Amino acid sequence: MSVGLVIVSHSAKLAEGVVELAREMGGEAVAIEPAGGMADPPGAMGTDAMVVMEAIEKVASPDGVLVLMDLGSAVMSAEMAVEMAGDDVRTVLLADAGPELAVCDSETCRWHIEQATGIPSVHPVELLHRAYGLS
């Protein structure tokens, strides 16, 4: 299974940093693309549906694409990008997880996050489980 990942953020630097870290851990073969910032002017703070759509097309595979967004208009831009990409690309958005969700693979860290902030925290595998509608 090879699901592509798209990281949508208002900050181009943040999206690129997440991709850099993922590639460092998973290697260059990881199908992940940043979709941060605006197309015009390049890299300006914000989200752009065309930038997201181009990233989706780069990582598209028969197994689909998982789109992770930071907040607010990133969800709207991602939804528009999925519509523009059409039915040829199987895409899952994690918009229903909500912006008030922390993802961490350490049980101790999840417990600390929940105790300190009151924000629900889940394991990354659970997040993928939800994305595919298996929960």
Protein backbone atom coordinates (compact mmCIF):
# COMPACT_ATOMS: atom_id res chain seq x y z
CA MET A 1 0.00 0.00 0.00
CA SER A 2 1.38 3.40 -1.00
CA VAL A 3 -0.85 6.27 0.04
CA GLY A 4 0.36 9.73 -0.93
CA LEU A 5 0.42 12.46 1.72
CA VAL A 6 -0.18 16.18 1.25
CA ILE A 7 0.63 18.61 4.07
CA VAL A 8 -1.53 21.75 3.82
CA SER A 9 -0.52 24.71 5.95
CA HIS A 10 -0.90 28.45 5.91
CA SER A 11 2.89 28.57 6.20
CA ALA A 12 4.96 27.30 3.28
CA LYS A 13 7.95 26.92 5.63
CA LEU A 14 5.93 24.81 8.07
CA ALA A 15 4.62 22.49 5.32
CA GLU A 16 8.12 22.13 3.87
CA GLY A 17 9.53 21.39 7.34
CA VAL A 18 7.00 18.62 7.96
CA VAL A 19 7.86 17.08 4.59
CA GLU A 20 11.60 17.37 5.30
CA LEU A 21 11.17 15.60 8.65
CA ALA A 22 8.98 12.85 7.15
CA ARG A 23 11.52 12.21 4.39
CA GLU A 24 14.34 12.12 6.93
CA MET A 25 12.49 9.39 8.84
CA GLY A 26 10.95 7.52 5.90
CA GLY A 27 13.42 8.14 3.09
CA GLU A 28 13.10 9.82 -0.27
CA ALA A 29 10.61 7.18 -1.43
CA VAL A 30 7.93 8.64 0.87
CA ALA A 31 5.21 10.08 -1.36
CA ILE A 32 4.66 13.35 0.48
CA GLU A 33 4.33 16.91 -0.80
CA PRO A 34 4.00 20.27 0.93
CA ALA A 35 1.13 22.56 -0.02
CA GLY A 36 1.83 25.60 2.09
CA GLY A 37 1.33 29.26 1.45
CA MET A 38 -0.02 31.08 -1.56
CA ALA A 39 0.92 30.73 -5.23
CA ASP A 40 0.81 34.51 -5.76
CA PRO A 41 2.94 35.91 -4.34
CA PRO A 42 4.84 32.64 -3.91
CA GLY A 43 5.06 31.48 -0.32
CA ALA A 44 2.89 34.27 1.13
CA MET A 45 0.96 33.28 4.25
CA GLY A 46 -2.36 31.63 3.42
CA THR A 47 -3.71 28.62 1.54
CA ASP A 48 -4.31 28.17 -2.16
CA ALA A 49 -6.50 25.45 -3.70
CA MET A 50 -4.31 25.31 -6.83
CA VAL A 51 -1.18 24.68 -4.75
CA VAL A 52 -3.01 21.90 -2.91
CA MET A 53 -4.33 20.36 -6.15
CA GLU A 54 -0.84 20.32 -7.69
CA ALA A 55 0.52 18.55 -4.60
CA ILE A 56 -2.33 16.00 -4.73
CA GLU A 57 -1.56 15.28 -8.38
CA LYS A 58 2.17 14.79 -7.61
CA VAL A 59 1.56 12.09 -4.99
CA ALA A 60 -1.57 10.47 -6.45
CA SER A 61 -1.47 6.68 -6.45
CA PRO A 62 -4.02 3.89 -6.92
CA ASP A 63 -4.14 3.64 -3.10
CA GLY A 64 -5.18 7.29 -2.79
CA VAL A 65 -4.02 10.49 -1.14
CA LEU A 66 -4.37 11.56 2.48
CA VAL A 67 -4.56 15.34 2.95
CA LEU A 68 -3.60 16.77 6.35
CA MET A 69 -4.52 20.41 7.06
CA ASP A 70 -3.63 22.83 9.82
CA LEU A 71 -6.74 24.97 10.32
CA GLY A 72 -9.54 27.14 8.97
CA SER A 73 -9.22 28.02 5.32
CA ALA A 74 -6.78 25.15 4.76
CA VAL A 75 -9.79 22.84 5.03
CA MET A 76 -11.73 24.89 2.48
CA SER A 77 -8.75 25.04 0.09
CA ALA A 78 -8.25 21.29 0.40
CA GLU A 79 -11.93 20.59 -0.28
CA MET A 80 -11.80 22.81 -3.39
CA ALA A 81 -8.59 21.09 -4.56
CA VAL A 82 -10.19 17.66 -4.23
CA GLU A 83 -13.16 18.81 -6.32
CA MET A 84 -10.82 20.25 -8.97
CA ALA A 85 -8.73 17.04 -9.04
CA GLY A 86 -11.89 15.12 -9.95
CA ASP A 87 -12.86 11.52 -9.45
CA ASP A 88 -9.62 10.15 -10.90
CA VAL A 89 -7.85 10.62 -7.56
CA ARG A 90 -9.09 8.89 -4.41
CA THR A 91 -8.59 11.52 -1.70
CA VAL A 92 -9.31 11.49 2.03
CA LEU A 93 -9.44 14.74 4.01
CA LEU A 94 -8.99 14.73 7.75
CA ALA A 95 -11.25 17.74 8.22
CA ASP A 96 -13.65 15.81 10.41
CA ALA A 97 -10.89 15.26 12.98
CA GLY A 98 -11.19 18.95 13.84
CA PRO A 99 -8.49 21.44 14.73
CA GLU A 100 -8.67 20.47 18.41
CA LEU A 101 -6.94 17.12 18.09
CA ALA A 102 -3.34 16.25 18.92
CA VAL A 103 -1.55 13.34 17.25
CA CYS A 104 1.34 11.64 19.03
CA ASP A 105 2.72 8.10 19.05
CA SER A 106 3.87 8.23 22.68
CA GLU A 107 1.24 7.21 25.24
CA THR A 108 2.96 9.31 27.90
CA CYS A 109 2.98 12.41 25.68
CA ARG A 110 -0.69 11.90 24.76
CA TRP A 111 -1.57 11.68 28.44
CA HIS A 112 0.36 14.88 29.22
CA ILE A 113 -1.23 16.74 26.31
CA GLU A 114 -4.72 15.73 27.36
CA GLN A 115 -4.12 16.54 31.03
CA ALA A 116 -2.50 19.91 30.34
CA THR A 117 -4.76 21.16 27.56
CA GLY A 118 -7.96 19.14 27.63
CA ILE A 119 -7.43 18.49 23.90
CA PRO A 120 -8.09 14.89 22.85
CA SER A 121 -4.97 13.09 21.65
CA VAL A 122 -4.76 10.04 19.38
CA HIS A 123 -2.10 7.72 18.02
CA PRO A 124 -1.19 8.30 14.31
CA VAL A 125 -2.51 4.85 13.43
CA GLU A 126 -5.90 5.78 14.91
CA LEU A 127 -5.91 8.95 12.80
CA LEU A 128 -5.32 6.91 9.63
CA HIS A 129 -8.01 4.47 10.78
CA ARG A 130 -10.49 7.37 11.02
CA ALA A 131 -9.39 8.78 7.67
CA TYR A 132 -10.32 5.55 5.93
CA GLY A 133 -13.66 5.39 7.76
CA LEU A 134 -12.74 2.26 9.68
CA SER A 135 -13.69 3.55 13.13
